[in-house]
Amino acid sequence: TSLVKMVAKFMAQARRRMLHVIIIAQEASMIAT
């Protein structure tokens, strides 16, 4: 979806943004590759 694709693009900036990102899910396989 356009939503998750755009979030992924945002996360691609995590290092430059100096972000500590935590993604929580019951199974890691439930998270986008």
PDB file of all heavy atoms in Angstrom:
ATOM      1  N   THR A   1       0.837  -1.192   0.000  1.00  0.00           N
ATOM      2  CA  THR A   1       0.000   0.000   0.000  1.00  0.00           C
ATOM      3  C   THR A   1       0.875   1.247   0.000  1.00  0.00           C
ATOM      4  O   THR A   1       2.037   1.219   0.430  1.00  0.00           O
ATOM      5  CB  THR A   1      -0.924   0.036   1.227  1.00  0.00           C
ATOM      6  OG1 THR A   1      -0.122   0.127   2.417  1.00  0.00           O
ATOM      7  CG2 THR A   1      -1.795  -1.221   1.285  1.00  0.00           C
ATOM      8  N   SER A   2       0.307   2.341  -0.447  1.00  0.00           N
ATOM      9  CA  SER A   2       1.063   3.600  -0.480  1.00  0.00           C
ATOM     10  C   SER A   2       1.443   4.040   0.918  1.00  0.00           C
ATOM     11  O   SER A   2       2.498   4.655   1.126  1.00  0.00           O
ATOM     12  CB  SER A   2       0.244   4.686  -1.184  1.00  0.00           C
ATOM     13  OG  SER A   2      -1.013   4.867  -0.546  1.00  0.00           O
ATOM     14  N   LEU A   3       0.589   3.699   1.912  1.00  0.00           N
ATOM     15  CA  LEU A   3       0.868   4.070   3.304  1.00  0.00           C
ATOM     16  C   LEU A   3       2.164   3.436   3.792  1.00  0.00           C
ATOM     17  O   LEU A   3       3.075   4.122   4.259  1.00  0.00           O
ATOM     18  CB  LEU A   3      -0.293   3.648   4.204  1.00  0.00           C
ATOM     19  CG  LEU A   3      -0.027   3.704   5.718  1.00  0.00           C
ATOM     20  CD1 LEU A   3       0.205   5.140   6.162  1.00  0.00           C
ATOM     21  CD2 LEU A   3      -1.178   3.088   6.495  1.00  0.00           C
ATOM     22  N   VAL A   4       2.262   2.117   3.705  1.00  0.00           N
ATOM     23  CA  VAL A   4       3.439   1.412   4.225  1.00  0.00           C
ATOM     24  C   VAL A   4       4.676   1.750   3.402  1.00  0.00           C
ATOM     25  O   VAL A   4       5.775   1.864   3.950  1.00  0.00           O
ATOM     26  CB  VAL A   4       3.195  -0.107   4.265  1.00  0.00           C
ATOM     27  CG1 VAL A   4       4.461  -0.843   4.689  1.00  0.00           C
ATOM     28  CG2 VAL A   4       2.062  -0.439   5.225  1.00  0.00           C
ATOM     29  N   LYS A   5       4.513   1.936   2.117  1.00  0.00           N
ATOM     30  CA  LYS A   5       5.657   2.324   1.291  1.00  0.00           C
ATOM     31  C   LYS A   5       6.225   3.672   1.736  1.00  0.00           C
ATOM     32  O   LYS A   5       7.435   3.859   1.813  1.00  0.00           O
ATOM     33  CB  LYS A   5       5.243   2.403  -0.188  1.00  0.00           C
ATOM     34  CG  LYS A   5       5.082   1.049  -0.859  1.00  0.00           C
ATOM     35  CD  LYS A   5       4.763   1.236  -2.328  1.00  0.00           C
ATOM     36  CE  LYS A   5       4.690  -0.092  -3.049  1.00  0.00           C
ATOM     37  NZ  LYS A   5       4.392   0.067  -4.493  1.00  0.00           N
ATOM     38  N   MET A   6       5.315   4.616   2.045  1.00  0.00           N
ATOM     39  CA  MET A   6       5.780   5.934   2.468  1.00  0.00           C
ATOM     40  C   MET A   6       6.412   5.876   3.853  1.00  0.00           C
ATOM     41  O   MET A   6       7.417   6.548   4.112  1.00  0.00           O
ATOM     42  CB  MET A   6       4.623   6.929   2.467  1.00  0.00           C
ATOM     43  CG  MET A   6       5.037   8.366   2.715  1.00  0.00           C
ATOM     44  SD  MET A   6       6.190   9.013   1.474  1.00  0.00           S
ATOM     45  CE  MET A   6       5.079   9.212   0.076  1.00  0.00           C
ATOM     46  N   VAL A   7       5.848   5.050   4.755  1.00  0.00           N
ATOM     47  CA  VAL A   7       6.435   4.879   6.082  1.00  0.00           C
ATOM     48  C   VAL A   7       7.833   4.273   5.943  1.00  0.00           C
ATOM     49  O   VAL A   7       8.768   4.656   6.655  1.00  0.00           O
ATOM     50  CB  VAL A   7       5.546   4.000   6.985  1.00  0.00           C
ATOM     51  CG1 VAL A   7       6.273   3.658   8.285  1.00  0.00           C
ATOM     52  CG2 VAL A   7       4.235   4.714   7.301  1.00  0.00           C
ATOM     53  N   ALA A   8       7.973   3.332   5.010  1.00  0.00           N
ATOM     54  CA  ALA A   8       9.286   2.712   4.782  1.00  0.00           C
ATOM     55  C   ALA A   8      10.293   3.759   4.310  1.00  0.00           C
ATOM     56  O   ALA A   8      11.458   3.742   4.711  1.00  0.00           O
ATOM     57  CB  ALA A   8       9.168   1.586   3.763  1.00  0.00           C
ATOM     58  N   LYS A   9       9.845   4.667   3.466  1.00  0.00           N
ATOM     59  CA  LYS A   9      10.740   5.724   3.008  1.00  0.00           C
ATOM     60  C   LYS A   9      11.143   6.634   4.174  1.00  0.00           C
ATOM     61  O   LYS A   9      12.287   7.090   4.254  1.00  0.00           O
ATOM     62  CB  LYS A   9      10.066   6.539   1.898  1.00  0.00           C
ATOM     63  CG  LYS A   9       9.934   5.767   0.594  1.00  0.00           C
ATOM     64  CD  LYS A   9       9.268   6.613  -0.482  1.00  0.00           C
ATOM     65  CE  LYS A   9       9.172   5.829  -1.786  1.00  0.00           C
ATOM     66  NZ  LYS A   9       8.517   6.604  -2.865  1.00  0.00           N
ATOM     67  N   PHE A  10      10.190   6.859   5.066  1.00  0.00           N
ATOM     68  CA  PHE A  10      10.503   7.658   6.254  1.00  0.00           C
ATOM     69  C   PHE A  10      11.524   6.927   7.120  1.00  0.00           C
ATOM     70  O   PHE A  10      12.488   7.518   7.604  1.00  0.00           O
ATOM     71  CB  PHE A  10       9.228   7.920   7.061  1.00  0.00           C
ATOM     72  CG  PHE A  10       9.459   8.673   8.337  1.00  0.00           C
ATOM     73  CD1 PHE A  10       9.476  10.052   8.350  1.00  0.00           C
ATOM     74  CD2 PHE A  10       9.684   7.995   9.530  1.00  0.00           C
ATOM     75  CE1 PHE A  10       9.693  10.757   9.525  1.00  0.00           C
ATOM     76  CE2 PHE A  10       9.905   8.686  10.712  1.00  0.00           C
ATOM     77  CZ  PHE A  10       9.917  10.065  10.707  1.00  0.00           C
ATOM     78  N   MET A  11      11.319   5.613   7.326  1.00  0.00           N
ATOM     79  CA  MET A  11      12.237   4.831   8.151  1.00  0.00           C
ATOM     80  C   MET A  11      13.630   4.766   7.536  1.00  0.00           C
ATOM     81  O   MET A  11      14.622   4.615   8.246  1.00  0.00           O
ATOM     82  CB  MET A  11      11.699   3.409   8.331  1.00  0.00           C
ATOM     83  CG  MET A  11      10.414   3.315   9.108  1.00  0.00           C
ATOM     84  SD  MET A  11      10.575   3.877  10.806  1.00  0.00           S
ATOM     85  CE  MET A  11       8.987   3.320  11.455  1.00  0.00           C
ATOM     86  N   ALA A  12      13.702   4.898   6.206  1.00  0.00           N
ATOM     87  CA  ALA A  12      15.002   4.898   5.542  1.00  0.00           C
ATOM     88  C   ALA A  12      15.834   6.097   5.970  1.00  0.00           C
ATOM     89  O   ALA A  12      17.047   6.121   5.793  1.00  0.00           O
ATOM     90  CB  ALA A  12      14.820   4.897   4.022  1.00  0.00           C
ATOM     91  N   GLN A  13      15.175   7.100   6.546  1.00  0.00           N
ATOM     92  CA  GLN A  13      15.871   8.287   7.025  1.00  0.00           C
ATOM     93  C   GLN A  13      16.235   8.178   8.509  1.00  0.00           C
ATOM     94  O   GLN A  13      16.747   9.136   9.097  1.00  0.00           O
ATOM     95  CB  GLN A  13      14.975   9.520   6.835  1.00  0.00           C
ATOM     96  CG  GLN A  13      14.507   9.735   5.412  1.00  0.00           C
ATOM     97  CD  GLN A  13      13.434  10.819   5.319  1.00  0.00           C
ATOM     98  OE1 GLN A  13      12.948  11.320   6.339  1.00  0.00           O
ATOM     99  NE2 GLN A  13      13.053  11.180   4.108  1.00  0.00           N
ATOM    100  N   ALA A  14      15.967   7.013   9.111  1.00  0.00           N
ATOM    101  CA  ALA A  14      16.118   6.866  10.562  1.00  0.00           C
ATOM    102  C   ALA A  14      17.515   7.232  11.062  1.00  0.00           C
ATOM    103  O   ALA A  14      17.666   7.901  12.085  1.00  0.00           O
ATOM    104  CB  ALA A  14      15.766   5.443  10.988  1.00  0.00           C
ATOM    105  N   ARG A  15      18.545   6.788  10.353  1.00  0.00           N
ATOM    106  CA  ARG A  15      19.911   7.080  10.803  1.00  0.00           C
ATOM    107  C   ARG A  15      20.191   8.583  10.749  1.00  0.00           C
ATOM    108  O   ARG A  15      20.719   9.164  11.698  1.00  0.00           O
ATOM    109  CB  ARG A  15      20.926   6.324   9.944  1.00  0.00           C
ATOM    110  CG  ARG A  15      22.378   6.561  10.353  1.00  0.00           C
ATOM    111  CD  ARG A  15      23.340   5.726   9.519  1.00  0.00           C
ATOM    112  NE  ARG A  15      23.232   6.040   8.115  1.00  0.00           N
ATOM    113  CZ  ARG A  15      23.849   7.069   7.515  1.00  0.00           C
ATOM    114  NH1 ARG A  15      24.594   7.881   8.235  1.00  0.00           N
ATOM    115  NH2 ARG A  15      23.711   7.265   6.229  1.00  0.00           N
ATOM    116  N   ARG A  16      19.822   9.202   9.646  1.00  0.00           N
ATOM    117  CA  ARG A  16      20.057  10.639   9.517  1.00  0.00           C
ATOM    118  C   ARG A  16      19.180  11.441  10.478  1.00  0.00           C
ATOM    119  O   ARG A  16      19.574  12.531  10.912  1.00  0.00           O
ATOM    120  CB  ARG A  16      19.793  11.084   8.068  1.00  0.00           C
ATOM    121  CG  ARG A  16      20.814  10.533   7.083  1.00  0.00           C
ATOM    122  CD  ARG A  16      20.586  11.060   5.694  1.00  0.00           C
ATOM    123  NE  ARG A  16      21.603  10.577   4.770  1.00  0.00           N
ATOM    124  CZ  ARG A  16      21.647  10.897   3.485  1.00  0.00           C
ATOM    125  NH1 ARG A  16      20.727  11.708   2.973  1.00  0.00           N
ATOM    126  NH2 ARG A  16      22.596  10.418   2.713  1.00  0.00           N
ATOM    127  N   ARG A  17      18.034  10.900  10.792  1.00  0.00           N
ATOM    128  CA  ARG A  17      17.143  11.581  11.737  1.00  0.00           C
ATOM    129  C   ARG A  17      17.534  11.288  13.193  1.00  0.00           C
ATOM    130  O   ARG A  17      16.924  11.817  14.109  1.00  0.00           O
ATOM    131  CB  ARG A  17      15.694  11.135  11.510  1.00  0.00           C
ATOM    132  CG  ARG A  17      15.062  11.675  10.254  1.00  0.00           C
ATOM    133  CD  ARG A  17      13.635  11.168  10.094  1.00  0.00           C
ATOM    134  NE  ARG A  17      12.998  11.753   8.929  1.00  0.00           N
ATOM    135  CZ  ARG A  17      12.331  12.901   8.927  1.00  0.00           C
ATOM    136  NH1 ARG A  17      12.200  13.577  10.062  1.00  0.00           N
ATOM    137  NH2 ARG A  17      11.771  13.372   7.832  1.00  0.00           N
ATOM    138  N   MET A  18      18.500  10.400  13.393  1.00  0.00           N
ATOM    139  CA  MET A  18      18.941  10.002  14.734  1.00  0.00           C
ATOM    140  C   MET A  18      17.767   9.428  15.543  1.00  0.00           C
ATOM    141  O   MET A  18      17.536   9.785  16.697  1.00  0.00           O
ATOM    142  CB  MET A  18      19.582  11.189  15.474  1.00  0.00           C
ATOM    143  CG  MET A  18      20.841  11.709  14.804  1.00  0.00           C
ATOM    144  SD  MET A  18      21.551  13.153  15.654  1.00  0.00           S
ATOM    145  CE  MET A  18      20.326  14.394  15.238  1.00  0.00           C
ATOM    146  N   LEU A  19      17.035   8.527  14.889  1.00  0.00           N
ATOM    147  CA  LEU A  19      15.870   7.916  15.517  1.00  0.00           C
ATOM    148  C   LEU A  19      16.206   6.556  16.126  1.00  0.00           C
ATOM    149  O   LEU A  19      17.002   5.791  15.577  1.00  0.00           O
ATOM    150  CB  LEU A  19      14.758   7.722  14.487  1.00  0.00           C
ATOM    151  CG  LEU A  19      13.972   8.951  14.043  1.00  0.00           C
ATOM    152  CD1 LEU A  19      12.967   8.543  12.965  1.00  0.00           C
ATOM    153  CD2 LEU A  19      13.253   9.596  15.214  1.00  0.00           C
ATOM    154  N   HIS A  20      15.578   6.262  17.264  1.00  0.00           N
ATOM    155  CA  HIS A  20      15.589   4.928  17.840  1.00  0.00           C
ATOM    156  C   HIS A  20      14.196   4.360  17.576  1.00  0.00           C
ATOM    157  O   HIS A  20      13.220   4.792  18.190  1.00  0.00           O
ATOM    158  CB  HIS A  20      15.852   4.969  19.342  1.00  0.00           C
ATOM    159  CG  HIS A  20      17.145   5.628  19.708  1.00  0.00           C
ATOM    160  ND1 HIS A  20      18.367   5.037  19.487  1.00  0.00           N
ATOM    161  CD2 HIS A  20      17.403   6.834  20.273  1.00  0.00           C
ATOM    162  CE1 HIS A  20      19.333   5.846  19.908  1.00  0.00           C
ATOM    163  NE2 HIS A  20      18.773   6.944  20.377  1.00  0.00           N
ATOM    164  N   VAL A  21      14.100   3.428  16.640  1.00  0.00           N
ATOM    165  CA  VAL A  21      12.801   2.915  16.207  1.00  0.00           C
ATOM    166  C   VAL A  21      12.532   1.549  16.841  1.00  0.00           C
ATOM    167  O   VAL A  21      13.402   0.678  16.851  1.00  0.00           O
ATOM    168  CB  VAL A  21      12.744   2.787  14.673  1.00  0.00           C
ATOM    169  CG1 VAL A  21      11.372   2.268  14.233  1.00  0.00           C
ATOM    170  CG2 VAL A  21      13.042   4.125  14.004  1.00  0.00           C
ATOM    171  N   ILE A  22      11.317   1.388  17.382  1.00  0.00           N
ATOM    172  CA  ILE A  22      10.885   0.102  17.922  1.00  0.00           C
ATOM    173  C   ILE A  22       9.615  -0.312  17.196  1.00  0.00           C
ATOM    174  O   ILE A  22       8.627   0.424  17.184  1.00  0.00           O
ATOM    175  CB  ILE A  22      10.590   0.172  19.430  1.00  0.00           C
ATOM    176  CG1 ILE A  22      11.790   0.712  20.199  1.00  0.00           C
ATOM    177  CG2 ILE A  22      10.190  -1.194  19.963  1.00  0.00           C
ATOM    178  CD1 ILE A  22      11.497   0.929  21.680  1.00  0.00           C
ATOM    179  N   ILE A  23       9.645  -1.487  16.565  1.00  0.00           N
ATOM    180  CA  ILE A  23       8.466  -2.044  15.907  1.00  0.00           C
ATOM    181  C   ILE A  23       8.048  -3.288  16.674  1.00  0.00           C
ATOM    182  O   ILE A  23       8.846  -4.218  16.849  1.00  0.00           O
ATOM    183  CB  ILE A  23       8.761  -2.399  14.438  1.00  0.00           C
ATOM    184  CG1 ILE A  23       9.147  -1.137  13.663  1.00  0.00           C
ATOM    185  CG2 ILE A  23       7.557  -3.064  13.794  1.00  0.00           C
ATOM    186  CD1 ILE A  23       9.556  -1.399  12.225  1.00  0.00           C
ATOM    187  N   ILE A  24       6.794  -3.323  17.136  1.00  0.00           N
ATOM    188  CA  ILE A  24       6.310  -4.410  17.981  1.00  0.00           C
ATOM    189  C   ILE A  24       5.280  -5.239  17.213  1.00  0.00           C
ATOM    190  O   ILE A  24       4.363  -4.681  16.596  1.00  0.00           O
ATOM    191  CB  ILE A  24       5.656  -3.853  19.265  1.00  0.00           C
ATOM    192  CG1 ILE A  24       6.635  -2.929  20.008  1.00  0.00           C
ATOM    193  CG2 ILE A  24       5.196  -4.982  20.173  1.00  0.00           C
ATOM    194  CD1 ILE A  24       5.979  -2.120  21.111  1.00  0.00           C
ATOM    195  N   ALA A  25       5.425  -6.559  17.249  1.00  0.00           N
ATOM    196  CA  ALA A  25       4.476  -7.453  16.585  1.00  0.00           C
ATOM    197  C   ALA A  25       4.532  -8.819  17.255  1.00  0.00           C
ATOM    198  O   ALA A  25       5.535  -9.181  17.880  1.00  0.00           O
ATOM    199  CB  ALA A  25       4.790  -7.590  15.099  1.00  0.00           C
ATOM    200  N   GLN A  26       3.447  -9.585  17.145  1.00  0.00           N
ATOM    201  CA  GLN A  26       3.434 -10.917  17.740  1.00  0.00           C
ATOM    202  C   GLN A  26       4.457 -11.834  17.073  1.00  0.00           C
ATOM    203  O   GLN A  26       5.089 -12.649  17.734  1.00  0.00           O
ATOM    204  CB  GLN A  26       2.032 -11.524  17.637  1.00  0.00           C
ATOM    205  CG  GLN A  26       1.008 -10.818  18.507  1.00  0.00           C
ATOM    206  CD  GLN A  26      -0.355 -11.476  18.443  1.00  0.00           C
ATOM    207  OE1 GLN A  26      -0.468 -12.695  18.408  1.00  0.00           O
ATOM    208  NE2 GLN A  26      -1.398 -10.672  18.421  1.00  0.00           N
ATOM    209  N   GLU A  27       4.582 -11.704  15.771  1.00  0.00           N
ATOM    210  CA  GLU A  27       5.564 -12.483  15.021  1.00  0.00           C
ATOM    211  C   GLU A  27       6.331 -11.542  14.111  1.00  0.00           C
ATOM    212  O   GLU A  27       5.736 -10.682  13.458  1.00  0.00           O
ATOM    213  CB  GLU A  27       4.878 -13.568  14.173  1.00  0.00           C
ATOM    214  CG  GLU A  27       4.185 -14.662  14.976  1.00  0.00           C
ATOM    215  CD  GLU A  27       5.177 -15.623  15.633  1.00  0.00           C
ATOM    216  OE1 GLU A  27       6.363 -15.609  15.216  1.00  0.00           O
ATOM    217  OE2 GLU A  27       4.775 -16.358  16.537  1.00  0.00           O
ATOM    218  N   ALA A  28       7.634 -11.729  14.052  1.00  0.00           N
ATOM    219  CA  ALA A  28       8.438 -10.887  13.166  1.00  0.00           C
ATOM    220  C   ALA A  28       7.996 -11.046  11.720  1.00  0.00           C
ATOM    221  O   ALA A  28       8.076 -10.102  10.930  1.00  0.00           O
ATOM    222  CB  ALA A  28       9.917 -11.245  13.310  1.00  0.00           C
ATOM    223  N   SER A  29       7.469 -12.237  11.373  1.00  0.00           N
ATOM    224  CA  SER A  29       7.032 -12.493   9.997  1.00  0.00           C
ATOM    225  C   SER A  29       5.811 -11.665   9.615  1.00  0.00           C
ATOM    226  O   SER A  29       5.451 -11.578   8.444  1.00  0.00           O
ATOM    227  CB  SER A  29       6.716 -13.977   9.814  1.00  0.00           C
ATOM    228  OG  SER A  29       5.692 -14.391  10.707  1.00  0.00           O
ATOM    229  N   MET A  30       5.140 -11.043  10.614  1.00  0.00           N
ATOM    230  CA  MET A  30       3.975 -10.202  10.343  1.00  0.00           C
ATOM    231  C   MET A  30       4.380  -8.810   9.886  1.00  0.00           C
ATOM    232  O   MET A  30       3.546  -8.026   9.442  1.00  0.00           O
ATOM    233  CB  MET A  30       3.111 -10.094  11.607  1.00  0.00           C
ATOM    234  CG  MET A  30       2.540 -11.406  12.081  1.00  0.00           C
ATOM    235  SD  MET A  30       1.802 -11.297  13.728  1.00  0.00           S
ATOM    236  CE  MET A  30       0.425 -10.185  13.416  1.00  0.00           C
ATOM    237  N   ILE A  31       5.676  -8.498  10.013  1.00  0.00           N
ATOM    238  CA  ILE A  31       6.177  -7.165   9.664  1.00  0.00           C
ATOM    239  C   ILE A  31       6.647  -7.158   8.212  1.00  0.00           C
ATOM    240  O   ILE A  31       7.229  -8.128   7.730  1.00  0.00           O
ATOM    241  CB  ILE A  31       7.336  -6.781  10.601  1.00  0.00           C
ATOM    242  CG1 ILE A  31       6.851  -6.759  12.056  1.00  0.00           C
ATOM    243  CG2 ILE A  31       7.926  -5.432  10.223  1.00  0.00           C
ATOM    244  CD1 ILE A  31       7.947  -6.569  13.063  1.00  0.00           C
ATOM    245  N   ALA A  32       6.396  -6.068   7.508  1.00  0.00           N
ATOM    246  CA  ALA A  32       6.792  -5.951   6.108  1.00  0.00           C
ATOM    247  C   ALA A  32       8.282  -6.262   5.943  1.00  0.00           C
ATOM    248  O   ALA A  32       9.112  -5.832   6.754  1.00  0.00           O
ATOM    249  CB  ALA A  32       6.475  -4.554   5.590  1.00  0.00           C
ATOM    250  N   THR A  33       8.608  -6.985   4.886  1.00  0.00           N
ATOM    251  CA  THR A  33       9.963  -7.482   4.675  1.00  0.00           C
ATOM    252  C   THR A  33      11.006  -6.371   4.677  1.00  0.00           C
ATOM    253  O   THR A  33      12.123  -6.543   5.164  1.00  0.00           O
ATOM    254  CB  THR A  33      10.040  -8.247   3.340  1.00  0.00           C
ATOM    255  OG1 THR A  33       9.068  -9.294   3.350  1.00  0.00           O
ATOM    256  CG2 THR A  33      11.421  -8.847   3.132  1.00  0.00           C
TER     257      THR A  33
END
